[in-house]
């Protein structure tokens, strides 16, 4: 009988994420400021709502990968489970 250990290669997938952004009017200086509370350090600003929304999306896209790199291995699943993909 063989005691060989087989491993399954990791699988990469794109996952849609919905985040809540908070946009505030800045009447004293003009324009808007925005942040995403779930992403520490994710703050931006813009002159118009359209600009601040675009900047916030870009900040979130930049912030998510770095946030994922800081998640401790103990919190990451060791192997995919079926209920993760429902």
C-alpha atoms as a PDB file:
ATOM      1  CA  UNK A   1       0.000   0.000   0.000  1.00  0.00           C
ATOM      2  CA  UNK A   2       1.336   3.433  -0.942  1.00  0.00           C
ATOM      3  CA  UNK A   3       1.414   6.359   1.471  1.00  0.00           C
ATOM      4  CA  UNK A   4       1.802   8.886  -1.348  1.00  0.00           C
ATOM      5  CA  UNK A   5       0.128  12.215  -0.671  1.00  0.00           C
ATOM      6  CA  UNK A   6      -1.664  13.874  -3.536  1.00  0.00           C
ATOM      7  CA  UNK A   7      -2.417  17.566  -3.549  1.00  0.00           C
ATOM      8  CA  UNK A   8      -4.986  19.467  -5.498  1.00  0.00           C
ATOM      9  CA  UNK A   9      -3.664  22.529  -7.317  1.00  0.00           C
ATOM     10  CA  UNK A  10      -5.192  25.870  -6.280  1.00  0.00           C
ATOM     11  CA  UNK A  11      -8.047  27.222  -8.340  1.00  0.00           C
ATOM     12  CA  UNK A  12      -8.322  30.942  -9.139  1.00  0.00           C
ATOM     13  CA  UNK A  13     -11.679  32.552  -9.755  1.00  0.00           C
ATOM     14  CA  UNK A  14     -13.154  36.038 -10.028  1.00  0.00           C
ATOM     15  CA  UNK A  15     -15.622  36.902  -7.279  1.00  0.00           C
ATOM     16  CA  UNK A  16     -18.021  39.834  -7.408  1.00  0.00           C
ATOM     17  CA  UNK A  17     -17.902  41.884  -4.216  1.00  0.00           C
ATOM     18  CA  UNK A  18     -20.485  44.412  -3.095  1.00  0.00           C
ATOM     19  CA  UNK A  19     -19.098  47.128  -0.811  1.00  0.00           C
ATOM     20  CA  UNK A  20     -20.855  50.112   0.735  1.00  0.00           C
ATOM     21  CA  UNK A  21     -19.262  53.477   0.082  1.00  0.00           C
ATOM     22  CA  UNK A  22     -20.044  56.620   2.034  1.00  0.00           C
ATOM     23  CA  UNK A  23     -20.017  59.860   0.030  1.00  0.00           C
ATOM     24  CA  UNK A  24     -20.092  63.199   1.808  1.00  0.00           C
ATOM     25  CA  UNK A  25     -20.587  66.652   0.327  1.00  0.00           C
ATOM     26  CA  UNK A  26     -17.792  69.023   1.363  1.00  0.00           C
ATOM     27  CA  UNK A  27     -19.461  72.468   1.289  1.00  0.00           C
ATOM     28  CA  UNK A  28     -16.506  74.285   2.890  1.00  0.00           C
ATOM     29  CA  UNK A  29     -14.003  73.223   0.224  1.00  0.00           C
ATOM     30  CA  UNK A  30     -16.326  72.107  -2.569  1.00  0.00           C
ATOM     31  CA  UNK A  31     -16.725  68.692  -4.103  1.00  0.00           C
ATOM     32  CA  UNK A  32     -17.139  65.392  -2.310  1.00  0.00           C
ATOM     33  CA  UNK A  33     -15.160  63.005  -0.131  1.00  0.00           C
ATOM     34  CA  UNK A  34     -15.797  59.278   0.055  1.00  0.00           C
ATOM     35  CA  UNK A  35     -14.675  56.157   1.883  1.00  0.00           C
ATOM     36  CA  UNK A  36     -15.406  52.459   2.144  1.00  0.00           C
ATOM     37  CA  UNK A  37     -15.518  51.489   5.839  1.00  0.00           C
ATOM     38  CA  UNK A  38     -14.831  47.811   5.087  1.00  0.00           C
ATOM     39  CA  UNK A  39     -11.496  48.717   3.455  1.00  0.00           C
ATOM     40  CA  UNK A  40      -9.204  50.466   5.944  1.00  0.00           C
ATOM     41  CA  UNK A  41      -7.485  53.426   4.328  1.00  0.00           C
ATOM     42  CA  UNK A  42      -9.851  53.516   1.341  1.00  0.00           C
ATOM     43  CA  UNK A  43     -10.606  57.237   1.038  1.00  0.00           C
ATOM     44  CA  UNK A  44     -10.875  59.521  -1.961  1.00  0.00           C
ATOM     45  CA  UNK A  45     -12.367  62.766  -3.193  1.00  0.00           C
ATOM     46  CA  UNK A  46     -13.755  64.340  -6.353  1.00  0.00           C
ATOM     47  CA  UNK A  47     -15.231  67.552  -7.698  1.00  0.00           C
ATOM     48  CA  UNK A  48     -18.471  65.886  -8.873  1.00  0.00           C
ATOM     49  CA  UNK A  49     -20.497  62.855  -7.789  1.00  0.00           C
ATOM     50  CA  UNK A  50     -19.500  61.102 -11.006  1.00  0.00           C
ATOM     51  CA  UNK A  51     -15.815  61.764 -10.346  1.00  0.00           C
ATOM     52  CA  UNK A  52     -15.914  60.711  -6.687  1.00  0.00           C
ATOM     53  CA  UNK A  53     -17.751  57.478  -7.589  1.00  0.00           C
ATOM     54  CA  UNK A  54     -15.163  56.636 -10.247  1.00  0.00           C
ATOM     55  CA  UNK A  55     -12.334  57.446  -7.812  1.00  0.00           C
ATOM     56  CA  UNK A  56     -13.959  55.307  -5.114  1.00  0.00           C
ATOM     57  CA  UNK A  57     -14.270  52.350  -7.472  1.00  0.00           C
ATOM     58  CA  UNK A  58     -10.609  52.691  -8.433  1.00  0.00           C
ATOM     59  CA  UNK A  59      -9.560  52.972  -4.771  1.00  0.00           C
ATOM     60  CA  UNK A  60     -11.550  49.836  -3.918  1.00  0.00           C
ATOM     61  CA  UNK A  61     -10.064  47.884  -6.822  1.00  0.00           C
ATOM     62  CA  UNK A  62      -6.591  48.881  -5.629  1.00  0.00           C
ATOM     63  CA  UNK A  63      -7.382  48.212  -1.959  1.00  0.00           C
ATOM     64  CA  UNK A  64      -8.977  44.779  -2.213  1.00  0.00           C
ATOM     65  CA  UNK A  65      -5.875  42.855  -3.345  1.00  0.00           C
ATOM     66  CA  UNK A  66      -3.730  44.393  -0.613  1.00  0.00           C
ATOM     67  CA  UNK A  67      -6.413  43.634   1.983  1.00  0.00           C
ATOM     68  CA  UNK A  68      -6.507  40.004   0.838  1.00  0.00           C
ATOM     69  CA  UNK A  69      -2.734  39.772   1.254  1.00  0.00           C
ATOM     70  CA  UNK A  70      -3.065  40.807   4.920  1.00  0.00           C
ATOM     71  CA  UNK A  71      -5.645  38.156   5.848  1.00  0.00           C
ATOM     72  CA  UNK A  72      -3.908  35.723   8.128  1.00  0.00           C
ATOM     73  CA  UNK A  73      -3.571  32.147   6.841  1.00  0.00           C
ATOM     74  CA  UNK A  74      -5.504  30.953   9.888  1.00  0.00           C
ATOM     75  CA  UNK A  75      -8.569  32.816   8.596  1.00  0.00           C
ATOM     76  CA  UNK A  76      -8.296  31.486   5.049  1.00  0.00           C
ATOM     77  CA  UNK A  77      -9.980  28.171   4.204  1.00  0.00           C
ATOM     78  CA  UNK A  78      -7.546  25.317   3.737  1.00  0.00           C
ATOM     79  CA  UNK A  79      -9.488  23.919   0.820  1.00  0.00           C
ATOM     80  CA  UNK A  80     -12.568  25.024  -1.140  1.00  0.00           C
ATOM     81  CA  UNK A  81     -15.897  23.910   0.221  1.00  0.00           C
ATOM     82  CA  UNK A  82     -19.037  23.527  -1.851  1.00  0.00           C
ATOM     83  CA  UNK A  83     -20.987  26.100   0.188  1.00  0.00           C
ATOM     84  CA  UNK A  84     -18.439  28.824  -0.686  1.00  0.00           C
ATOM     85  CA  UNK A  85     -19.682  28.826  -4.270  1.00  0.00           C
ATOM     86  CA  UNK A  86     -23.430  29.067  -3.806  1.00  0.00           C
END
